[in-house]
Amino acid sequence: MSLQDDLTAVRRNLNELVRSVEQLERDVRNTARQAPAASRAPGEGPMVGVPDTPYDSALWTDADDEGLGARDRRAP
C-alpha cells in the first residue's frame, strides 16, 4: 500500500468513527428523554454532600474486618 492509500483508509475509518459516535450520542439523548427519572444513572441526579467529620467509632464495635475474619478467630 502506498502512503496515499493509507491516508485514504485512515480518513475513511475516522469518518466512520465520527458517524458512529454521533449516532451513539443521539441514541443516549433519546434514551435519557424516554427513561423515567428513577431509572437514571446515579451520577445524573443532584449532588449530595458528604460531611468531613469522622464516623462515630461505636458504629464499628461489633463489625468484622472484611477479608480478615472475626476478631476472636484466626485464619486457617
PDB file of N, CA and C in Angstrom:
ATOM      1  N   MET A   1       0.835  -1.183   0.000  1.00  0.00           N
ATOM      2  CA  MET A   1       0.000   0.000   0.000  1.00  0.00           C
ATOM      3  C   MET A   1       0.877   1.242   0.000  1.00  0.00           C
ATOM      4  N   SER A   2       0.448   2.221  -0.711  1.00  0.00           N
ATOM      5  CA  SER A   2       1.189   3.479  -0.744  1.00  0.00           C
ATOM      6  C   SER A   2       0.750   4.363   0.424  1.00  0.00           C
ATOM      7  N   LEU A   3       1.490   5.388   0.658  1.00  0.00           N
ATOM      8  CA  LEU A   3       1.160   6.329   1.720  1.00  0.00           C
ATOM      9  C   LEU A   3      -0.207   6.958   1.472  1.00  0.00           C
ATOM     10  N   GLN A   4      -0.497   7.273   0.233  1.00  0.00           N
ATOM     11  CA  GLN A   4      -1.784   7.881  -0.104  1.00  0.00           C
ATOM     12  C   GLN A   4      -2.942   6.919   0.196  1.00  0.00           C
ATOM     13  N   ASP A   5      -2.753   5.646  -0.111  1.00  0.00           N
ATOM     14  CA  ASP A   5      -3.786   4.646   0.200  1.00  0.00           C
ATOM     15  C   ASP A   5      -3.996   4.536   1.701  1.00  0.00           C
ATOM     16  N   ASP A   6      -2.894   4.581   2.456  1.00  0.00           N
ATOM     17  CA  ASP A   6      -3.001   4.519   3.922  1.00  0.00           C
ATOM     18  C   ASP A   6      -3.764   5.717   4.463  1.00  0.00           C
ATOM     19  N   LEU A   7      -3.450   6.901   3.964  1.00  0.00           N
ATOM     20  CA  LEU A   7      -4.146   8.110   4.416  1.00  0.00           C
ATOM     21  C   LEU A   7      -5.627   8.061   4.068  1.00  0.00           C
ATOM     22  N   THR A   8      -5.945   7.556   2.897  1.00  0.00           N
ATOM     23  CA  THR A   8      -7.346   7.429   2.493  1.00  0.00           C
ATOM     24  C   THR A   8      -8.084   6.464   3.420  1.00  0.00           C
ATOM     25  N   ALA A   9      -7.451   5.359   3.759  1.00  0.00           N
ATOM     26  CA  ALA A   9      -8.060   4.383   4.657  1.00  0.00           C
ATOM     27  C   ALA A   9      -8.256   4.981   6.052  1.00  0.00           C
ATOM     28  N   VAL A  10      -7.281   5.746   6.527  1.00  0.00           N
ATOM     29  CA  VAL A  10      -7.401   6.382   7.842  1.00  0.00           C
ATOM     30  C   VAL A  10      -8.545   7.391   7.844  1.00  0.00           C
ATOM     31  N   ARG A  11      -8.640   8.208   6.791  1.00  0.00           N
ATOM     32  CA  ARG A  11      -9.739   9.178   6.697  1.00  0.00           C
ATOM     33  C   ARG A  11     -11.093   8.483   6.682  1.00  0.00           C
ATOM     34  N   ARG A  12     -11.196   7.399   5.917  1.00  0.00           N
ATOM     35  CA  ARG A  12     -12.452   6.654   5.842  1.00  0.00           C
ATOM     36  C   ARG A  12     -12.826   6.085   7.216  1.00  0.00           C
ATOM     37  N   ASN A  13     -11.840   5.498   7.908  1.00  0.00           N
ATOM     38  CA  ASN A  13     -12.111   4.937   9.235  1.00  0.00           C
ATOM     39  C   ASN A  13     -12.460   6.022  10.248  1.00  0.00           C
ATOM     40  N   LEU A  14     -11.788   7.158  10.146  1.00  0.00           N
ATOM     41  CA  LEU A  14     -12.085   8.261  11.050  1.00  0.00           C
ATOM     42  C   LEU A  14     -13.484   8.806  10.811  1.00  0.00           C
ATOM     43  N   ASN A  15     -13.869   8.946   9.560  1.00  0.00           N
ATOM     44  CA  ASN A  15     -15.230   9.398   9.248  1.00  0.00           C
ATOM     45  C   ASN A  15     -16.275   8.408   9.766  1.00  0.00           C
ATOM     46  N   GLU A  16     -16.002   7.132   9.631  1.00  0.00           N
ATOM     47  CA  GLU A  16     -16.924   6.114  10.147  1.00  0.00           C
ATOM     48  C   GLU A  16     -17.019   6.196  11.663  1.00  0.00           C
ATOM     49  N   LEU A  17     -15.894   6.428  12.323  1.00  0.00           N
ATOM     50  CA  LEU A  17     -15.890   6.567  13.778  1.00  0.00           C
ATOM     51  C   LEU A  17     -16.703   7.787  14.204  1.00  0.00           C
ATOM     52  N   VAL A  18     -16.539   8.891  13.512  1.00  0.00           N
ATOM     53  CA  VAL A  18     -17.297  10.100  13.839  1.00  0.00           C
ATOM     54  C   VAL A  18     -18.788   9.847  13.679  1.00  0.00           C
ATOM     55  N   ARG A  19     -19.179   9.201  12.589  1.00  0.00           N
ATOM     56  CA  ARG A  19     -20.605   8.886  12.384  1.00  0.00           C
ATOM     57  C   ARG A  19     -21.126   7.980  13.491  1.00  0.00           C
ATOM     58  N   SER A  20     -20.340   7.003  13.904  1.00  0.00           N
ATOM     59  CA  SER A  20     -20.769   6.080  14.956  1.00  0.00           C
ATOM     60  C   SER A  20     -20.935   6.797  16.298  1.00  0.00           C
ATOM     61  N   VAL A  21     -20.009   7.679  16.613  1.00  0.00           N
ATOM     62  CA  VAL A  21     -20.106   8.427  17.870  1.00  0.00           C
ATOM     63  C   VAL A  21     -21.306   9.362  17.847  1.00  0.00           C
ATOM     64  N   GLU A  22     -21.544  10.017  16.735  1.00  0.00           N
ATOM     65  CA  GLU A  22     -22.716  10.890  16.627  1.00  0.00           C
ATOM     66  C   GLU A  22     -24.007  10.096  16.806  1.00  0.00           C
ATOM     67  N   GLN A  23     -24.077   8.914  16.207  1.00  0.00           N
ATOM     68  CA  GLN A  23     -25.260   8.064  16.357  1.00  0.00           C
ATOM     69  C   GLN A  23     -25.425   7.632  17.812  1.00  0.00           C
ATOM     70  N   LEU A  24     -24.327   7.286  18.452  1.00  0.00           N
ATOM     71  CA  LEU A  24     -24.382   6.887  19.862  1.00  0.00           C
ATOM     72  C   LEU A  24     -24.862   8.040  20.730  1.00  0.00           C
ATOM     73  N   GLU A  25     -24.382   9.249  20.471  1.00  0.00           N
ATOM     74  CA  GLU A  25     -24.841  10.411  21.234  1.00  0.00           C
ATOM     75  C   GLU A  25     -26.330  10.639  21.046  1.00  0.00           C
ATOM     76  N   ARG A  26     -26.822  10.492  19.813  1.00  0.00           N
ATOM     77  CA  ARG A  26     -28.266  10.644  19.572  1.00  0.00           C
ATOM     78  C   ARG A  26     -29.054   9.578  20.329  1.00  0.00           C
ATOM     79  N   ASP A  27     -28.570   8.346  20.293  1.00  0.00           N
ATOM     80  CA  ASP A  27     -29.267   7.266  20.993  1.00  0.00           C
ATOM     81  C   ASP A  27     -29.314   7.510  22.496  1.00  0.00           C
ATOM     82  N   VAL A  28     -28.206   7.993  23.057  1.00  0.00           N
ATOM     83  CA  VAL A  28     -28.166   8.256  24.502  1.00  0.00           C
ATOM     84  C   VAL A  28     -29.123   9.381  24.862  1.00  0.00           C
ATOM     85  N   ARG A  29     -29.145  10.437  24.053  1.00  0.00           N
ATOM     86  CA  ARG A  29     -30.081  11.542  24.327  1.00  0.00           C
ATOM     87  C   ARG A  29     -31.527  11.059  24.258  1.00  0.00           C
ATOM     88  N   ASN A  30     -31.861  10.263  23.261  1.00  0.00           N
ATOM     89  CA  ASN A  30     -33.230   9.754  23.124  1.00  0.00           C
ATOM     90  C   ASN A  30     -33.590   8.851  24.291  1.00  0.00           C
ATOM     91  N   THR A  31     -32.667   8.005  24.705  1.00  0.00           N
ATOM     92  CA  THR A  31     -32.929   7.107  25.829  1.00  0.00           C
ATOM     93  C   THR A  31     -33.107   7.892  27.114  1.00  0.00           C
ATOM     94  N   ALA A  32     -32.293   8.932  27.317  1.00  0.00           N
ATOM     95  CA  ALA A  32     -32.390   9.743  28.534  1.00  0.00           C
ATOM     96  C   ALA A  32     -33.724  10.471  28.591  1.00  0.00           C
ATOM     97  N   ARG A  33     -34.225  10.899  27.448  1.00  0.00           N
ATOM     98  CA  ARG A  33     -35.523  11.588  27.432  1.00  0.00           C
ATOM     99  C   ARG A  33     -36.665  10.633  27.745  1.00  0.00           C
ATOM    100  N   GLN A  34     -36.552   9.395  27.310  1.00  0.00           N
ATOM    101  CA  GLN A  34     -37.633   8.434  27.480  1.00  0.00           C
ATOM    102  C   GLN A  34     -37.600   7.752  28.843  1.00  0.00           C
ATOM    103  N   ALA A  35     -36.444   7.706  29.496  1.00  0.00           N
ATOM    104  CA  ALA A  35     -36.317   6.975  30.763  1.00  0.00           C
ATOM    105  C   ALA A  35     -36.936   7.789  31.891  1.00  0.00           C
ATOM    106  N   PRO A  36     -37.658   7.121  32.784  1.00  0.00           N
ATOM    107  CA  PRO A  36     -38.168   7.828  33.960  1.00  0.00           C
ATOM    108  C   PRO A  36     -37.003   8.243  34.855  1.00  0.00           C
ATOM    109  N   ALA A  37     -37.219   9.283  35.649  1.00  0.00           N
ATOM    110  CA  ALA A  37     -36.145   9.835  36.478  1.00  0.00           C
ATOM    111  C   ALA A  37     -35.583   8.797  37.452  1.00  0.00           C
ATOM    112  N   ALA A  38     -36.397   7.893  37.953  1.00  0.00           N
ATOM    113  CA  ALA A  38     -35.932   6.916  38.945  1.00  0.00           C
ATOM    114  C   ALA A  38     -34.970   5.900  38.346  1.00  0.00           C
ATOM    115  N   SER A  39     -35.033   5.662  37.052  1.00  0.00           N
ATOM    116  CA  SER A  39     -34.180   4.636  36.463  1.00  0.00           C
ATOM    117  C   SER A  39     -32.898   5.195  35.864  1.00  0.00           C
ATOM    118  N   ARG A  40     -32.647   6.462  36.043  1.00  0.00           N
ATOM    119  CA  ARG A  40     -31.430   7.056  35.506  1.00  0.00           C
ATOM    120  C   ARG A  40     -30.228   6.682  36.357  1.00  0.00           C
ATOM    121  N   ALA A  41     -29.076   6.869  35.798  1.00  0.00           N
ATOM    122  CA  ALA A  41     -27.827   6.536  36.484  1.00  0.00           C
ATOM    123  C   ALA A  41     -27.650   7.410  37.723  1.00  0.00           C
ATOM    124  N   PRO A  42     -26.975   6.896  38.758  1.00  0.00           N
ATOM    125  CA  PRO A  42     -26.825   7.660  39.993  1.00  0.00           C
ATOM    126  C   PRO A  42     -26.097   8.989  39.800  1.00  0.00           C
ATOM    127  N   GLY A  43     -25.191   9.081  38.868  1.00  0.00           N
ATOM    128  CA  GLY A  43     -24.437  10.300  38.668  1.00  0.00           C
ATOM    129  C   GLY A  43     -25.226  11.414  38.015  1.00  0.00           C
ATOM    130  N   GLU A  44     -26.440  11.147  37.565  1.00  0.00           N
ATOM    131  CA  GLU A  44     -27.227  12.154  36.863  1.00  0.00           C
ATOM    132  C   GLU A  44     -28.072  13.009  37.791  1.00  0.00           C
ATOM    133  N   GLY A  45     -28.203  12.631  39.028  1.00  0.00           N
ATOM    134  CA  GLY A  45     -29.041  13.381  39.954  1.00  0.00           C
ATOM    135  C   GLY A  45     -28.271  14.507  40.614  1.00  0.00           C
ATOM    136  N   PRO A  46     -28.926  15.202  41.528  1.00  0.00           N
ATOM    137  CA  PRO A  46     -28.237  16.296  42.224  1.00  0.00           C
ATOM    138  C   PRO A  46     -27.134  15.740  43.123  1.00  0.00           C
ATOM    139  N   MET A  47     -26.122  16.551  43.341  1.00  0.00           N
ATOM    140  CA  MET A  47     -25.008  16.120  44.181  1.00  0.00           C
ATOM    141  C   MET A  47     -25.445  16.093  45.646  1.00  0.00           C
ATOM    142  N   VAL A  48     -24.919  15.131  46.372  1.00  0.00           N
ATOM    143  CA  VAL A  48     -25.213  15.003  47.792  1.00  0.00           C
ATOM    144  C   VAL A  48     -23.925  15.249  48.547  1.00  0.00           C
ATOM    145  N   GLY A  49     -23.979  16.133  49.511  1.00  0.00           N
ATOM    146  CA  GLY A  49     -22.784  16.450  50.289  1.00  0.00           C
ATOM    147  C   GLY A  49     -22.471  15.345  51.289  1.00  0.00           C
ATOM    148  N   VAL A  50     -21.195  15.044  51.445  1.00  0.00           N
ATOM    149  CA  VAL A  50     -20.739  14.067  52.426  1.00  0.00           C
ATOM    150  C   VAL A  50     -19.893  14.820  53.444  1.00  0.00           C
ATOM    151  N   PRO A  51     -20.274  14.763  54.716  1.00  0.00           N
ATOM    152  CA  PRO A  51     -19.540  15.541  55.707  1.00  0.00           C
ATOM    153  C   PRO A  51     -18.121  15.004  55.913  1.00  0.00           C
ATOM    154  N   ASP A  52     -17.211  15.898  56.298  1.00  0.00           N
ATOM    155  CA  ASP A  52     -15.826  15.521  56.553  1.00  0.00           C
ATOM    156  C   ASP A  52     -15.611  15.026  57.978  1.00  0.00           C
ATOM    157  N   THR A  53     -16.620  15.130  58.800  1.00  0.00           N
ATOM    158  CA  THR A  53     -16.471  14.700  60.193  1.00  0.00           C
ATOM    159  C   THR A  53     -16.348  13.181  60.245  1.00  0.00           C
ATOM    160  N   PRO A  54     -15.528  12.663  61.160  1.00  0.00           N
ATOM    161  CA  PRO A  54     -15.357  11.207  61.242  1.00  0.00           C
ATOM    162  C   PRO A  54     -16.623  10.529  61.770  1.00  0.00           C
ATOM    163  N   TYR A  55     -16.782   9.274  61.384  1.00  0.00           N
ATOM    164  CA  TYR A  55     -17.911   8.493  61.880  1.00  0.00           C
ATOM    165  C   TYR A  55     -17.727   8.184  63.362  1.00  0.00           C
ATOM    166  N   ASP A  56     -18.833   7.963  64.034  1.00  0.00           N
ATOM    167  CA  ASP A  56     -18.791   7.563  65.434  1.00  0.00           C
ATOM    168  C   ASP A  56     -18.192   6.160  65.509  1.00  0.00           C
ATOM    169  N   SER A  57     -17.160   5.964  66.305  1.00  0.00           N
ATOM    170  CA  SER A  57     -16.492   4.655  66.383  1.00  0.00           C
ATOM    171  C   SER A  57     -17.406   3.580  66.956  1.00  0.00           C
ATOM    172  N   ALA A  58     -18.485   3.958  67.624  1.00  0.00           N
ATOM    173  CA  ALA A  58     -19.433   2.974  68.152  1.00  0.00           C
ATOM    174  C   ALA A  58     -20.141   2.223  67.026  1.00  0.00           C
ATOM    175  N   LEU A  59     -20.154   2.803  65.835  1.00  0.00           N
ATOM    176  CA  LEU A  59     -20.780   2.120  64.707  1.00  0.00           C
ATOM    177  C   LEU A  59     -20.036   0.844  64.329  1.00  0.00           C
ATOM    178  N   TRP A  60     -18.752   0.758  64.675  1.00  0.00           N
ATOM    179  CA  TRP A  60     -17.912  -0.333  64.214  1.00  0.00           C
ATOM    180  C   TRP A  60     -17.537  -1.316  65.328  1.00  0.00           C
ATOM    181  N   THR A  61     -18.124  -1.214  66.515  1.00  0.00           N
ATOM    182  CA  THR A  61     -17.689  -2.057  67.638  1.00  0.00           C
ATOM    183  C   THR A  61     -17.915  -3.545  67.398  1.00  0.00           C
ATOM    184  N   ASP A  62     -18.986  -3.941  66.737  1.00  0.00           N
ATOM    185  CA  ASP A  62     -19.254  -5.360  66.532  1.00  0.00           C
ATOM    186  C   ASP A  62     -19.002  -5.805  65.091  1.00  0.00           C
ATOM    187  N   ALA A  63     -18.332  -4.981  64.314  1.00  0.00           N
ATOM    188  CA  ALA A  63     -18.086  -5.303  62.899  1.00  0.00           C
ATOM    189  C   ALA A  63     -16.812  -6.132  62.751  1.00  0.00           C
ATOM    190  N   ASP A  64     -16.848  -7.060  61.817  1.00  0.00           N
ATOM    191  CA  ASP A  64     -15.657  -7.850  61.496  1.00  0.00           C
ATOM    192  C   ASP A  64     -14.814  -7.083  60.491  1.00  0.00           C
ATOM    193  N   ASP A  65     -13.520  -7.348  60.509  1.00  0.00           N
ATOM    194  CA  ASP A  65     -12.647  -6.785  59.493  1.00  0.00           C
ATOM    195  C   ASP A  65     -12.861  -7.591  58.222  1.00  0.00           C
ATOM    196  N   GLU A  66     -13.385  -6.945  57.204  1.00  0.00           N
ATOM    197  CA  GLU A  66     -13.718  -7.648  55.973  1.00  0.00           C
ATOM    198  C   GLU A  66     -12.473  -8.280  55.362  1.00  0.00           C
ATOM    199  N   GLY A  67     -12.578  -9.556  55.062  1.00  0.00           N
ATOM    200  CA  GLY A  67     -11.470 -10.279  54.469  1.00  0.00           C
ATOM    201  C   GLY A  67     -10.527 -10.871  55.483  1.00  0.00           C
ATOM    202  N   LEU A  68     -10.617 -10.439  56.739  1.00  0.00           N
ATOM    203  CA  LEU A  68      -9.716 -10.953  57.778  1.00  0.00           C
ATOM    204  C   LEU A  68     -10.432 -11.887  58.739  1.00  0.00           C
ATOM    205  N   GLY A  69     -11.732 -11.944  58.697  1.00  0.00           N
ATOM    206  CA  GLY A  69     -12.475 -12.820  59.592  1.00  0.00           C
ATOM    207  C   GLY A  69     -12.797 -12.117  60.891  1.00  0.00           C
ATOM    208  N   ALA A  70     -13.372 -12.874  61.796  1.00  0.00           N
ATOM    209  CA  ALA A  70     -13.763 -12.327  63.092  1.00  0.00           C
ATOM    210  C   ALA A  70     -12.534 -12.076  63.956  1.00  0.00           C
ATOM    211  N   ARG A  71     -12.655 -11.152  64.899  1.00  0.00           N
ATOM    212  CA  ARG A  71     -11.506 -10.786  65.741  1.00  0.00           C
ATOM    213  C   ARG A  71     -11.068 -11.915  66.669  1.00  0.00           C
ATOM    214  N   ASP A  72     -12.014 -12.728  67.114  1.00  0.00           N
ATOM    215  CA  ASP A  72     -11.650 -13.768  68.076  1.00  0.00           C
ATOM    216  C   ASP A  72     -11.226 -15.083  67.409  1.00  0.00           C
ATOM    217  N   ARG A  73     -11.126 -15.118  66.097  1.00  0.00           N
ATOM    218  CA  ARG A  73     -10.692 -16.317  65.383  1.00  0.00           C
ATOM    219  C   ARG A  73      -9.475 -16.017  64.543  1.00  0.00           C
ATOM    220  N   ARG A  74      -8.703 -17.050  64.266  1.00  0.00           N
ATOM    221  CA  ARG A  74      -7.539 -16.880  63.406  1.00  0.00           C
ATOM    222  C   ARG A  74      -7.808 -17.511  62.054  1.00  0.00           C
ATOM    223  N   ALA A  75      -7.148 -16.989  61.071  1.00  0.00           N
ATOM    224  CA  ALA A  75      -7.299 -17.536  59.719  1.00  0.00           C
ATOM    225  C   ALA A  75      -6.627 -18.905  59.662  1.00  0.00           C
ATOM    226  N   PRO A  76      -7.152 -19.809  58.826  1.00  0.00           N
ATOM    227  CA  PRO A  76      -6.559 -21.143  58.749  1.00  0.00           C
ATOM    228  C   PRO A  76      -5.162 -21.142  58.168  1.00  0.00           C
TER     229      PRO A  76
END
